[in-house]
């Protein structure tokens, strides 16, 4: 079922918890469809689509994280009528963080899950990937994983995908912490791959200083897309942490 920016694989209208999943740069909700079946059957799991792909491919993609967070937050408001959480991978984690800040005064999320992204400074601020030459960008995307080889190797498919990838990477590369950014007030779960060169565990540790709530960290084997082949294990950790945050509701 498609509703605005949301894809709901198995709608649960009377659920007591709603989980919004935000995709990575260059990705789409389609890449997260397989996640849904691993979460509790009474959760309403909603896959969120940023403009520029899928059903909104006719819209220009955003290049600014806060503008994208504002856009998505406004469209999610009708669905924030029960306890809910935000989970994002890479670019999705950044956008989820900005959404959590924006929604802090209500209706606020009860939990935030961030995967393979950190608010700590990194090399992408010094060498923005969205400005790389075509050849270097393609090589960088290949090293990260997550983009089918058929897209990277086919000139026509790459030509079609490149503008969206550059725009999404700009969302990440141009983000800076805002002056006086308040702390979050709810639990945060941090996930990452132990062999992710861009987001190593040492950078993920920066989440300890971003919330007044507890921070649970799970480092798994693998790189930036550490969850490939272990969705059940990742979903189990998310489920456990959400239930710890909302023990009565979910």
Foldseek 3Di string as FASTA:
>chain_A
DDDVQKDWPQAQPPAQEEEEEEEAQLDALVVCPVLVVLADPRYGYIYGGFACDDPRVVDQGALALLVSLVVVLVVCVVVLPHAYEYEYAHLSLSSRVSNQLVQLVPPHHQEYEYELDFLDDFCCLVPPLLPDDPVVNLVVDVVQDPDDVCCSPDVVSVVSSSSRNSSSSSNVRVDHDDPPRAAREHEYEYEYECPAPGRHPVRRVNNVPRYPYHYHYDYAHDYSPRCVPPSNVVNVVVNVVVCVSVVPRD
